PDB file of N, CA and C in Angstrom:
ATOM      1  N   MET A   1     126.413 117.168  86.486  1.00  0.00           N
ATOM      2  CA  MET A   1     124.977 117.206  86.671  1.00  0.00           C
ATOM      3  C   MET A   1     124.344 115.830  86.444  1.00  0.00           C
ATOM      4  N   PHE A   2     124.933 115.062  85.551  1.00  0.00           N
ATOM      5  CA  PHE A   2     124.383 113.748  85.238  1.00  0.00           C
ATOM      6  C   PHE A   2     124.445 112.821  86.441  1.00  0.00           C
ATOM      7  N   LEU A   3     125.542 112.870  87.205  1.00  0.00           N
ATOM      8  CA  LEU A   3     125.676 112.033  88.394  1.00  0.00           C
ATOM      9  C   LEU A   3     124.637 112.384  89.451  1.00  0.00           C
ATOM     10  N   ARG A   4     124.365 113.659  89.616  1.00  0.00           N
ATOM     11  CA  ARG A   4     123.365 114.089  90.593  1.00  0.00           C
ATOM     12  C   ARG A   4     121.976 113.556  90.223  1.00  0.00           C
ATOM     13  N   GLU A   5     121.656 113.579  88.953  1.00  0.00           N
ATOM     14  CA  GLU A   5     120.358 113.054  88.503  1.00  0.00           C
ATOM     15  C   GLU A   5     120.253 111.560  88.778  1.00  0.00           C
ATOM     16  N   LYS A   6     121.358 110.821  88.595  1.00  0.00           N
ATOM     17  CA  LYS A   6     121.345 109.385  88.875  1.00  0.00           C
ATOM     18  C   LYS A   6     121.102 109.122  90.363  1.00  0.00           C
ATOM     19  N   VAL A   7     121.756 109.906  91.214  1.00  0.00           N
ATOM     20  CA  VAL A   7     121.592 109.730  92.661  1.00  0.00           C
ATOM     21  C   VAL A   7     120.163 110.043  93.069  1.00  0.00           C
ATOM     22  N   LEU A   8     119.599 111.122  92.570  1.00  0.00           N
ATOM     23  CA  LEU A   8     118.225 111.482  92.915  1.00  0.00           C
ATOM     24  C   LEU A   8     117.237 110.445  92.400  1.00  0.00           C
ATOM     25  N   LYS A   9     117.490 109.908  91.210  1.00  0.00           N
ATOM     26  CA  LYS A   9     116.601 108.882  90.671  1.00  0.00           C
ATOM     27  C   LYS A   9     116.667 107.608  91.515  1.00  0.00           C
ATOM     28  N   ALA A  10     117.860 107.252  91.987  1.00  0.00           N
ATOM     29  CA  ALA A  10     117.997 106.062  92.834  1.00  0.00           C
ATOM     30  C   ALA A  10     117.292 106.262  94.173  1.00  0.00           C
ATOM     31  N   LEU A  11     117.326 107.460  94.719  1.00  0.00           N
ATOM     32  CA  LEU A  11     116.635 107.726  95.974  1.00  0.00           C
ATOM     33  C   LEU A  11     115.126 107.748  95.797  1.00  0.00           C
ATOM     34  N   ALA A  12     114.668 108.263  94.676  1.00  0.00           N
ATOM     35  CA  ALA A  12     113.229 108.365  94.435  1.00  0.00           C
ATOM     36  C   ALA A  12     112.614 107.021  94.067  1.00  0.00           C
ATOM     37  N   ASN A  13     113.393 106.114  93.500  1.00  0.00           N
ATOM     38  CA  ASN A  13     112.889 104.813  93.076  1.00  0.00           C
ATOM     39  C   ASN A  13     113.677 103.711  93.780  1.00  0.00           C
ATOM     40  N   PRO A  14     113.239 103.283  94.962  1.00  0.00           N
ATOM     41  CA  PRO A  14     113.975 102.237  95.684  1.00  0.00           C
ATOM     42  C   PRO A  14     113.918 100.916  94.926  1.00  0.00           C
ATOM     43  N   PRO A  15     114.876  99.995  95.194  1.00  0.00           N
ATOM     44  CA  PRO A  15     114.842  98.687  94.524  1.00  0.00           C
ATOM     45  C   PRO A  15     113.558  97.946  94.873  1.00  0.00           C
ATOM     46  N   ARG A  16     113.033  97.203  93.905  1.00  0.00           N
ATOM     47  CA  ARG A  16     111.731  96.559  94.082  1.00  0.00           C
ATOM     48  C   ARG A  16     111.782  95.089  93.718  1.00  0.00           C
ATOM     49  N   ILE A  17     110.890  94.328  94.342  1.00  0.00           N
ATOM     50  CA  ILE A  17     110.638  92.934  93.976  1.00  0.00           C
ATOM     51  C   ILE A  17     109.163  92.858  93.609  1.00  0.00           C
ATOM     52  N   PHE A  18     108.865  92.656  92.351  1.00  0.00           N
ATOM     53  CA  PHE A  18     107.487  92.620  91.862  1.00  0.00           C
ATOM     54  C   PHE A  18     106.688  93.821  92.354  1.00  0.00           C
ATOM     55  N   TYR A  19     107.182  95.008  92.094  1.00  0.00           N
ATOM     56  CA  TYR A  19     106.528  96.291  92.364  1.00  0.00           C
ATOM     57  C   TYR A  19     106.464  96.688  93.841  1.00  0.00           C
ATOM     58  N   VAL A  20     107.068  95.921  94.733  1.00  0.00           N
ATOM     59  CA  VAL A  20     107.079  96.253  96.163  1.00  0.00           C
ATOM     60  C   VAL A  20     108.522  96.549  96.571  1.00  0.00           C
ATOM     61  N   PRO A  21     108.741  97.606  97.374  1.00  0.00           N
ATOM     62  CA  PRO A  21     110.112  97.875  97.817  1.00  0.00           C
ATOM     63  C   PRO A  21     110.738  96.643  98.463  1.00  0.00           C
ATOM     64  N   TYR A  22     112.021  96.469  98.192  1.00  0.00           N
ATOM     65  CA  TYR A  22     112.764  95.282  98.589  1.00  0.00           C
ATOM     66  C   TYR A  22     112.608  94.957 100.072  1.00  0.00           C
ATOM     67  N   SER A  23     112.783  95.936 100.930  1.00  0.00           N
ATOM     68  CA  SER A  23     112.736  95.673 102.375  1.00  0.00           C
ATOM     69  C   SER A  23     111.336  95.232 102.812  1.00  0.00           C
ATOM     70  N   LEU A  24     110.296  95.880 102.276  1.00  0.00           N
ATOM     71  CA  LEU A  24     108.933  95.474 102.643  1.00  0.00           C
ATOM     72  C   LEU A  24     108.600  94.085 102.123  1.00  0.00           C
ATOM     73  N   ALA A  25     109.081  93.745 100.940  1.00  0.00           N
ATOM     74  CA  ALA A  25     108.821  92.418 100.388  1.00  0.00           C
ATOM     75  C   ALA A  25     109.480  91.339 101.241  1.00  0.00           C
ATOM     76  N   LEU A  26     110.706  91.589 101.696  1.00  0.00           N
ATOM     77  CA  LEU A  26     111.381  90.605 102.549  1.00  0.00           C
ATOM     78  C   LEU A  26     110.689  90.467 103.897  1.00  0.00           C
ATOM     79  N   ILE A  27     110.294  91.582 104.491  1.00  0.00           N
ATOM     80  CA  ILE A  27     109.597  91.524 105.778  1.00  0.00           C
ATOM     81  C   ILE A  27     108.269  90.785 105.624  1.00  0.00           C
ATOM     82  N   ASN A  28     107.537  91.069 104.556  1.00  0.00           N
ATOM     83  CA  ASN A  28     106.266  90.390 104.298  1.00  0.00           C
ATOM     84  C   ASN A  28     106.483  88.882 104.202  1.00  0.00           C
ATOM     85  N   PHE A  29     107.501  88.471 103.444  1.00  0.00           N
ATOM     86  CA  PHE A  29     107.749  87.044 103.283  1.00  0.00           C
ATOM     87  C   PHE A  29     108.123  86.393 104.613  1.00  0.00           C
ATOM     88  N   PHE A  30     109.031  87.010 105.365  1.00  0.00           N
ATOM     89  CA  PHE A  30     109.481  86.399 106.618  1.00  0.00           C
ATOM     90  C   PHE A  30     108.374  86.332 107.663  1.00  0.00           C
ATOM     91  N   VAL A  31     107.529  87.348 107.738  1.00  0.00           N
ATOM     92  CA  VAL A  31     106.422  87.316 108.701  1.00  0.00           C
ATOM     93  C   VAL A  31     105.469  86.183 108.373  1.00  0.00           C
ATOM     94  N   TRP A  32     105.082  86.049 107.110  1.00  0.00           N
ATOM     95  CA  TRP A  32     104.135  85.000 106.743  1.00  0.00           C
ATOM     96  C   TRP A  32     104.785  83.618 106.804  1.00  0.00           C
ATOM     97  N   PHE A  33     106.102  83.536 106.527  1.00  0.00           N
ATOM     98  CA  PHE A  33     106.782  82.256 106.631  1.00  0.00           C
ATOM     99  C   PHE A  33     106.841  81.791 108.086  1.00  0.00           C
ATOM    100  N   LEU A  34     107.146  82.708 108.998  1.00  0.00           N
ATOM    101  CA  LEU A  34     107.158  82.341 110.420  1.00  0.00           C
ATOM    102  C   LEU A  34     105.773  81.929 110.897  1.00  0.00           C
ATOM    103  N   LEU A  35     104.739  82.638 110.441  1.00  0.00           N
ATOM    104  CA  LEU A  35     103.373  82.253 110.793  1.00  0.00           C
ATOM    105  C   LEU A  35     103.033  80.871 110.232  1.00  0.00           C
ATOM    106  N   PHE A  36     103.479  80.585 109.024  1.00  0.00           N
ATOM    107  CA  PHE A  36     103.268  79.272 108.409  1.00  0.00           C
ATOM    108  C   PHE A  36     103.921  78.171 109.241  1.00  0.00           C
ATOM    109  N   ILE A  37     105.157  78.402 109.688  1.00  0.00           N
ATOM    110  CA  ILE A  37     105.864  77.413 110.499  1.00  0.00           C
ATOM    111  C   ILE A  37     105.137  77.194 111.823  1.00  0.00           C
ATOM    112  N   VAL A  38     104.694  78.283 112.454  1.00  0.00           N
ATOM    113  CA  VAL A  38     103.963  78.170 113.722  1.00  0.00           C
ATOM    114  C   VAL A  38     102.672  77.385 113.517  1.00  0.00           C
ATOM    115  N   LEU A  39     101.934  77.697 112.463  1.00  0.00           N
ATOM    116  CA  LEU A  39     100.689  76.962 112.193  1.00  0.00           C
ATOM    117  C   LEU A  39     100.964  75.489 111.915  1.00  0.00           C
ATOM    118  N   MET A  40     102.034  75.196 111.203  1.00  0.00           N
ATOM    119  CA  MET A  40     102.355  73.806 110.919  1.00  0.00           C
ATOM    120  C   MET A  40     102.683  73.060 112.214  1.00  0.00           C
ATOM    121  N   ILE A  41     103.436  73.680 113.105  1.00  0.00           N
ATOM    122  CA  ILE A  41     103.770  73.037 114.374  1.00  0.00           C
ATOM    123  C   ILE A  41     102.515  72.826 115.213  1.00  0.00           C
ATOM    124  N   VAL A  42     101.628  73.818 115.241  1.00  0.00           N
ATOM    125  CA  VAL A  42     100.381  73.684 116.004  1.00  0.00           C
ATOM    126  C   VAL A  42      99.538  72.543 115.456  1.00  0.00           C
ATOM    127  N   PHE A  43      99.406  72.461 114.132  1.00  0.00           N
ATOM    128  CA  PHE A  43      98.612  71.373 113.552  1.00  0.00           C
ATOM    129  C   PHE A  43      99.246  70.014 113.820  1.00  0.00           C
ATOM    130  N   VAL A  44     100.555  69.922 113.767  1.00  0.00           N
ATOM    131  CA  VAL A  44     101.212  68.636 114.042  1.00  0.00           C
ATOM    132  C   VAL A  44     101.016  68.244 115.499  1.00  0.00           C
ATOM    133  N   LEU A  45     101.116  69.206 116.406  1.00  0.00           N
ATOM    134  CA  LEU A  45     100.931  68.881 117.824  1.00  0.00           C
ATOM    135  C   LEU A  45      99.485  68.504 118.141  1.00  0.00           C
ATOM    136  N   LEU A  46      98.521  69.169 117.497  1.00  0.00           N
ATOM    137  CA  LEU A  46      97.116  68.905 117.795  1.00  0.00           C
ATOM    138  C   LEU A  46      96.581  67.666 117.086  1.00  0.00           C
ATOM    139  N   THR A  47      96.903  67.526 115.807  1.00  0.00           N
ATOM    140  CA  THR A  47      96.295  66.443 115.030  1.00  0.00           C
ATOM    141  C   THR A  47      97.274  65.350 114.637  1.00  0.00           C
ATOM    142  N   GLY A  48      98.550  65.623 114.647  1.00  0.00           N
ATOM    143  CA  GLY A  48      99.531  64.614 114.238  1.00  0.00           C
ATOM    144  C   GLY A  48      99.864  64.659 112.764  1.00  0.00           C
ATOM    145  N   THR A  49      99.142  65.456 111.989  1.00  0.00           N
ATOM    146  CA  THR A  49      99.415  65.576 110.554  1.00  0.00           C
ATOM    147  C   THR A  49      99.373  67.048 110.151  1.00  0.00           C
ATOM    148  N   VAL A  50      99.916  67.316 108.974  1.00  0.00           N
ATOM    149  CA  VAL A  50      99.854  68.664 108.410  1.00  0.00           C
ATOM    150  C   VAL A  50      98.765  68.661 107.345  1.00  0.00           C
ATOM    151  N   PRO A  51      97.794  69.581 107.430  1.00  0.00           N
ATOM    152  CA  PRO A  51      96.727  69.592 106.422  1.00  0.00           C
ATOM    153  C   PRO A  51      97.277  69.950 105.037  1.00  0.00           C
ATOM    154  N   MET A  52      96.683  69.354 104.020  1.00  0.00           N
ATOM    155  CA  MET A  52      97.147  69.562 102.645  1.00  0.00           C
ATOM    156  C   MET A  52      96.887  70.986 102.168  1.00  0.00           C
ATOM    157  N   TRP A  53      95.915  71.672 102.754  1.00  0.00           N
ATOM    158  CA  TRP A  53      95.551  73.009 102.282  1.00  0.00           C
ATOM    159  C   TRP A  53      96.431  74.106 102.879  1.00  0.00           C
ATOM    160  N   LEU A  54      97.235  73.797 103.887  1.00  0.00           N
ATOM    161  CA  LEU A  54      98.022  74.822 104.566  1.00  0.00           C
ATOM    162  C   LEU A  54      99.022  75.543 103.643  1.00  0.00           C
ATOM    163  N   PRO A  55      99.789  74.845 102.800  1.00  0.00           N
ATOM    164  CA  PRO A  55     100.695  75.569 101.899  1.00  0.00           C
ATOM    165  C   PRO A  55      99.957  76.455 100.899  1.00  0.00           C
ATOM    166  N   LEU A  56      98.790  76.018 100.448  1.00  0.00           N
ATOM    167  CA  LEU A  56      98.021  76.840  99.502  1.00  0.00           C
ATOM    168  C   LEU A  56      97.511  78.112 100.164  1.00  0.00           C
ATOM    169  N   VAL A  57      97.063  77.989 101.402  1.00  0.00           N
ATOM    170  CA  VAL A  57      96.621  79.172 102.143  1.00  0.00           C
ATOM    171  C   VAL A  57      97.802  80.117 102.361  1.00  0.00           C
ATOM    172  N   PHE A  58      98.959  79.557 102.695  1.00  0.00           N
ATOM    173  CA  PHE A  58     100.159  80.370 102.882  1.00  0.00           C
ATOM    174  C   PHE A  58     100.497  81.146 101.620  1.00  0.00           C
ATOM    175  N   LEU A  59     100.521  80.477 100.485  1.00  0.00           N
ATOM    176  CA  LEU A  59     100.846  81.158  99.224  1.00  0.00           C
ATOM    177  C   LEU A  59      99.788  82.182  98.843  1.00  0.00           C
ATOM    178  N   GLY A  60      98.520  81.862  99.092  1.00  0.00           N
ATOM    179  CA  GLY A  60      97.453  82.804  98.768  1.00  0.00           C
ATOM    180  C   GLY A  60      97.522  84.074  99.594  1.00  0.00           C
ATOM    181  N   VAL A  61      97.694  83.925 100.895  1.00  0.00           N
ATOM    182  CA  VAL A  61      97.762  85.088 101.780  1.00  0.00           C
ATOM    183  C   VAL A  61      99.028  85.896 101.502  1.00  0.00           C
ATOM    184  N   LEU A  62     100.129  85.209 101.245  1.00  0.00           N
ATOM    185  CA  LEU A  62     101.376  85.893 100.912  1.00  0.00           C
ATOM    186  C   LEU A  62     101.219  86.707  99.630  1.00  0.00           C
ATOM    187  N   SER A  63     100.587  86.129  98.623  1.00  0.00           N
ATOM    188  CA  SER A  63     100.361  86.846  97.362  1.00  0.00           C
ATOM    189  C   SER A  63      99.412  88.028  97.553  1.00  0.00           C
ATOM    190  N   LEU A  64      98.366  87.837  98.341  1.00  0.00           N
ATOM    191  CA  LEU A  64      97.419  88.915  98.590  1.00  0.00           C
ATOM    192  C   LEU A  64      98.092  90.087  99.305  1.00  0.00           C
ATOM    193  N   CYS A  65      98.859  89.798 100.336  1.00  0.00           N
ATOM    194  CA  CYS A  65      99.556  90.866 101.068  1.00  0.00           C
ATOM    195  C   CYS A  65     100.587  91.553 100.183  1.00  0.00           C
ATOM    196  N   HIS A  66     101.264  90.798  99.334  1.00  0.00           N
ATOM    197  CA  HIS A  66     102.242  91.391  98.427  1.00  0.00           C
ATOM    198  C   HIS A  66     101.543  92.320  97.423  1.00  0.00           C
ATOM    199  N   THR A  67     100.372  91.917  96.953  1.00  0.00           N
ATOM    200  CA  THR A  67      99.601  92.756  96.037  1.00  0.00           C
ATOM    201  C   THR A  67      99.155  94.039  96.716  1.00  0.00           C
ATOM    202  N   ILE A  68      98.682  93.940  97.956  1.00  0.00           N
ATOM    203  CA  ILE A  68      98.264  95.130  98.703  1.00  0.00           C
ATOM    204  C   ILE A  68      99.450  96.067  98.916  1.00  0.00           C
ATOM    205  N   LEU A  69     100.601  95.504  99.280  1.00  0.00           N
ATOM    206  CA  LEU A  69     101.802  96.332  99.430  1.00  0.00           C
ATOM    207  C   LEU A  69     102.194  96.972  98.100  1.00  0.00           C
ATOM    208  N   GLY A  70     101.998  96.257  97.012  1.00  0.00           N
ATOM    209  CA  GLY A  70     102.296  96.814  95.689  1.00  0.00           C
ATOM    210  C   GLY A  70     101.422  98.010  95.365  1.00  0.00           C
ATOM    211  N   PHE A  71     100.130  97.931  95.688  1.00  0.00           N
ATOM    212  CA  PHE A  71      99.235  99.064  95.437  1.00  0.00           C
ATOM    213  C   PHE A  71      99.601 100.273  96.297  1.00  0.00           C
ATOM    214  N   TYR A  72      99.916 100.033  97.574  1.00  0.00           N
ATOM    215  CA  TYR A  72     100.300 101.145  98.438  1.00  0.00           C
ATOM    216  C   TYR A  72     101.623 101.767  98.019  1.00  0.00           C
ATOM    217  N   SER A  73     102.575 100.932  97.613  1.00  0.00           N
ATOM    218  CA  SER A  73     103.876 101.480  97.235  1.00  0.00           C
ATOM    219  C   SER A  73     103.817 102.167  95.873  1.00  0.00           C
ATOM    220  N   LYS A  74     102.823 101.843  95.052  1.00  0.00           N
ATOM    221  CA  LYS A  74     102.672 102.559  93.784  1.00  0.00           C
ATOM    222  C   LYS A  74     102.178 103.985  94.034  1.00  0.00           C
ATOM    223  N   LYS A  75     101.298 104.145  95.040  1.00  0.00           N
ATOM    224  CA  LYS A  75     100.826 105.481  95.407  1.00  0.00           C
ATOM    225  C   LYS A  75     101.943 106.296  96.031  1.00  0.00           C
ATOM    226  N   ASP A  76     102.699 105.679  96.925  1.00  0.00           N
ATOM    227  CA  ASP A  76     103.756 106.390  97.642  1.00  0.00           C
ATOM    228  C   ASP A  76     105.016 105.530  97.603  1.00  0.00           C
ATOM    229  N   SER A  77     105.971 105.911  96.766  1.00  0.00           N
ATOM    230  CA  SER A  77     107.150 105.072  96.557  1.00  0.00           C
ATOM    231  C   SER A  77     108.080 105.056  97.760  1.00  0.00           C
ATOM    232  N   GLN A  78     107.924 105.978  98.689  1.00  0.00           N
ATOM    233  CA  GLN A  78     108.808 106.036  99.853  1.00  0.00           C
ATOM    234  C   GLN A  78     108.156 105.436 101.099  1.00  0.00           C
ATOM    235  N   ILE A  79     107.186 104.548 100.923  1.00  0.00           N
ATOM    236  CA  ILE A  79     106.449 103.988 102.064  1.00  0.00           C
ATOM    237  C   ILE A  79     107.373 103.178 102.986  1.00  0.00           C
ATOM    238  N   ALA A  80     108.354 102.480 102.428  1.00  0.00           N
ATOM    239  CA  ALA A  80     109.257 101.683 103.266  1.00  0.00           C
ATOM    240  C   ALA A  80     110.072 102.586 104.182  1.00  0.00           C
ATOM    241  N   GLN A  81     110.563 103.693 103.643  1.00  0.00           N
ATOM    242  CA  GLN A  81     111.348 104.606 104.464  1.00  0.00           C
ATOM    243  C   GLN A  81     110.499 105.216 105.569  1.00  0.00           C
ATOM    244  N   MET A  82     109.234 105.517 105.282  1.00  0.00           N
ATOM    245  CA  MET A  82     108.355 106.079 106.305  1.00  0.00           C
ATOM    246  C   MET A  82     108.095 105.067 107.415  1.00  0.00           C
ATOM    247  N   ILE A  83     107.878 103.815 107.054  1.00  0.00           N
ATOM    248  CA  ILE A  83     107.616 102.783 108.057  1.00  0.00           C
ATOM    249  C   ILE A  83     108.845 102.576 108.938  1.00  0.00           C
ATOM    250  N   PHE A  84     110.019 102.481 108.315  1.00  0.00           N
ATOM    251  CA  PHE A  84     111.228 102.232 109.100  1.00  0.00           C
ATOM    252  C   PHE A  84     111.627 103.437 109.940  1.00  0.00           C
ATOM    253  N   SER A  85     111.347 104.635 109.469  1.00  0.00           N
ATOM    254  CA  SER A  85     111.638 105.801 110.311  1.00  0.00           C
ATOM    255  C   SER A  85     110.696 105.836 111.512  1.00  0.00           C
ATOM    256  N   GLY A  86     109.454 105.393 111.345  1.00  0.00           N
ATOM    257  CA  GLY A  86     108.537 105.291 112.482  1.00  0.00           C
ATOM    258  C   GLY A  86     109.012 104.278 113.499  1.00  0.00           C
ATOM    259  N   PHE A  87     109.522 103.119 113.022  1.00  0.00           N
ATOM    260  CA  PHE A  87     110.089 102.125 113.935  1.00  0.00           C
ATOM    261  C   PHE A  87     111.294 102.689 114.672  1.00  0.00           C
ATOM    262  N   TYR A  88     112.130 103.434 113.969  1.00  0.00           N
ATOM    263  CA  TYR A  88     113.323 104.017 114.589  1.00  0.00           C
ATOM    264  C   TYR A  88     112.930 105.006 115.683  1.00  0.00           C
ATOM    265  N   LEU A  89     111.945 105.851 115.398  1.00  0.00           N
ATOM    266  CA  LEU A  89     111.498 106.809 116.407  1.00  0.00           C
ATOM    267  C   LEU A  89     110.869 106.102 117.606  1.00  0.00           C
ATOM    268  N   PHE A  90     110.151 105.029 117.347  1.00  0.00           N
ATOM    269  CA  PHE A  90     109.539 104.267 118.436  1.00  0.00           C
ATOM    270  C   PHE A  90     110.605 103.637 119.327  1.00  0.00           C
ATOM    271  N   ARG A  91     111.673 103.129 118.707  1.00  0.00           N
ATOM    272  CA  ARG A  91     112.761 102.531 119.487  1.00  0.00           C
ATOM    273  C   ARG A  91     113.502 103.578 120.308  1.00  0.00           C
ATOM    274  N   GLN A  92     113.561 104.800 119.804  1.00  0.00           N
ATOM    275  CA  GLN A  92     114.272 105.861 120.505  1.00  0.00           C
ATOM    276  C   GLN A  92     113.434 106.461 121.631  1.00  0.00           C
ATOM    277  N   LYS A  93     112.209 105.954 121.816  1.00  0.00           N
ATOM    278  CA  LYS A  93     111.289 106.418 122.858  1.00  0.00           C
ATOM    279  C   LYS A  93     110.967 107.901 122.709  1.00  0.00           C
ATOM    280  N   ILE A  94     110.758 108.312 121.454  1.00  0.00           N
ATOM    281  CA  ILE A  94     110.334 109.665 121.160  1.00  0.00           C
ATOM    282  C   ILE A  94     108.842 109.748 121.486  1.00  0.00           C
ATOM    283  N   PRO A  95     108.359 110.837 122.065  1.00  0.00           N
ATOM    284  CA  PRO A  95     106.936 110.951 122.396  1.00  0.00           C
ATOM    285  C   PRO A  95     106.046 110.762 121.157  1.00  0.00           C
ATOM    286  N   LYS A  96     104.843 110.260 121.385  1.00  0.00           N
ATOM    287  CA  LYS A  96     103.926 109.957 120.286  1.00  0.00           C
ATOM    288  C   LYS A  96     103.548 111.195 119.468  1.00  0.00           C
ATOM    289  N   ARG A  97     103.504 112.325 120.080  1.00  0.00           N
ATOM    290  CA  ARG A  97     103.091 113.515 119.326  1.00  0.00           C
ATOM    291  C   ARG A  97     104.102 113.876 118.237  1.00  0.00           C
ATOM    292  N   LEU A  98     105.344 113.411 118.367  1.00  0.00           N
ATOM    293  CA  LEU A  98     106.339 113.676 117.333  1.00  0.00           C
ATOM    294  C   LEU A  98     106.284 112.650 116.214  1.00  0.00           C
ATOM    295  N   ILE A  99     105.775 111.454 116.505  1.00  0.00           N
ATOM    296  CA  ILE A  99     105.730 110.397 115.497  1.00  0.00           C
ATOM    297  C   ILE A  99     104.635 110.663 114.473  1.00  0.00           C
ATOM    298  N   SER A 100     103.478 111.076 114.915  1.00  0.00           N
ATOM    299  CA  SER A 100     102.365 111.247 113.979  1.00  0.00           C
ATOM    300  C   SER A 100     102.318 112.612 113.367  1.00  0.00           C
TER     301      SER A 100
END
């Protein structure tokens, strides 16, 4: 019985990075990092320099989004699984009435 409780506890509490499920935290970081790189390239092409405030804006927005994800995942600990199952259904071309 003890092993079953451990398995259920692991399923109910996914691994987290600063209160956000691991997969959502990684996706959040990579999305904002790619946006940061794109903005840096655009600024270099347009002005020839990188503005000094760009890294601070990147860190601020990244922290804000991570905090918002933390609040949502505290309400519903399985939010990452719900998001990824929606992506899976969308890729499988399941009709919209089944997704929602």
